[in-house]
Amino acid sequence: MDDTALLRQTIRRCTAVLVATLATLGVSLQSSSEAGFLLILAVVSVVYLVVEFIKVNPPAESLDGSSSTEDEE
């Protein structure tokens, strides 16, 4: 990944953390009947964060299609 892609990924993760925190705070301050949308918003942002941190990017070496044995010959 280049620097721009890493910066965008970091901004998305930080935004998701902020949304989850603010939505959870909003749920705790409101009554349970009024906090439905905030609860959904908090759950969606937490799920996004979990998926984002579990997702593994393939190493750059495997992308070019050459193996290390071909380079040694």
Protein backbone atom coordinates (compact mmCIF):
# COMPACT_ATOMS: atom_id res chain seq x y z
CA MET A 1 0.00 0.00 0.00
CA ASP A 2 1.22 3.48 -0.70
CA ASP A 3 1.12 6.33 1.79
CA THR A 4 -2.13 7.79 0.48
CA ALA A 5 -4.00 4.51 0.82
CA LEU A 6 -2.68 3.99 4.34
CA LEU A 7 -3.72 7.52 5.30
CA ARG A 8 -7.23 6.97 3.95
CA GLN A 9 -7.49 3.65 5.81
CA THR A 10 -6.37 5.33 9.03
CA ILE A 11 -8.90 8.14 8.60
CA ARG A 12 -11.70 5.62 8.01
CA ARG A 13 -10.73 3.67 11.13
CA CYS A 14 -10.50 6.80 13.28
CA THR A 15 -13.87 7.98 11.99
CA ALA A 16 -15.42 4.60 12.83
CA VAL A 17 -13.98 4.77 16.35
CA LEU A 18 -15.39 8.27 16.85
CA VAL A 19 -18.82 7.28 15.50
CA ALA A 20 -18.94 4.19 17.71
CA THR A 21 -17.92 6.18 20.77
CA LEU A 22 -20.39 9.00 20.19
CA ALA A 23 -23.22 6.61 19.34
CA THR A 24 -22.56 4.55 22.47
CA LEU A 25 -22.51 7.72 24.56
CA GLY A 26 -25.79 8.80 22.95
CA VAL A 27 -27.38 5.42 23.70
CA SER A 28 -26.35 5.66 27.34
CA LEU A 29 -27.78 9.19 27.68
CA GLN A 30 -31.15 8.47 26.03
CA SER A 31 -33.93 6.16 27.03
CA SER A 32 -33.94 2.76 25.35
CA SER A 33 -36.99 3.51 23.19
CA GLU A 34 -35.39 6.59 21.62
CA ALA A 35 -31.90 5.16 21.08
CA GLY A 36 -32.67 2.62 18.34
CA PHE A 37 -30.92 4.47 15.53
CA LEU A 38 -27.87 5.24 17.66
CA LEU A 39 -27.61 1.60 18.72
CA ILE A 40 -27.69 0.46 15.09
CA LEU A 41 -25.06 3.08 14.22
CA ALA A 42 -22.79 1.93 17.06
CA VAL A 43 -23.11 -1.74 16.07
CA VAL A 44 -22.41 -1.03 12.39
CA SER A 45 -19.27 0.97 13.18
CA VAL A 46 -17.96 -1.70 15.56
CA VAL A 47 -18.59 -4.40 12.95
CA TYR A 48 -16.76 -2.28 10.38
CA LEU A 49 -13.78 -1.95 12.71
CA VAL A 50 -13.69 -5.68 13.40
CA VAL A 51 -13.79 -6.52 9.69
CA GLU A 52 -11.17 -3.87 8.91
CA PHE A 53 -8.72 -5.21 11.49
CA ILE A 54 -9.28 -8.89 10.64
CA LYS A 55 -8.82 -8.39 6.90
CA VAL A 56 -5.31 -9.41 5.91
CA ASN A 57 -3.61 -7.85 2.90
CA PRO A 58 -1.54 -10.19 0.74
CA PRO A 59 2.20 -9.59 0.88
CA ALA A 60 3.68 -7.54 -1.94
CA GLU A 61 6.01 -10.38 -2.96
CA SER A 62 3.16 -12.65 -4.03
CA LEU A 63 1.57 -9.96 -6.20
CA ASP A 64 4.25 -9.88 -8.90
CA GLY A 65 3.86 -13.59 -9.69
CA SER A 66 7.53 -14.57 -9.34
CA SER A 67 8.77 -16.96 -6.71
CA SER A 68 12.05 -16.72 -4.84
CA THR A 69 13.43 -19.83 -6.58
CA GLU A 70 13.10 -18.20 -9.99
CA ASP A 71 15.08 -15.18 -8.81
CA GLU A 72 17.94 -17.33 -7.53
CA GLU A 73 18.54 -19.08 -10.88
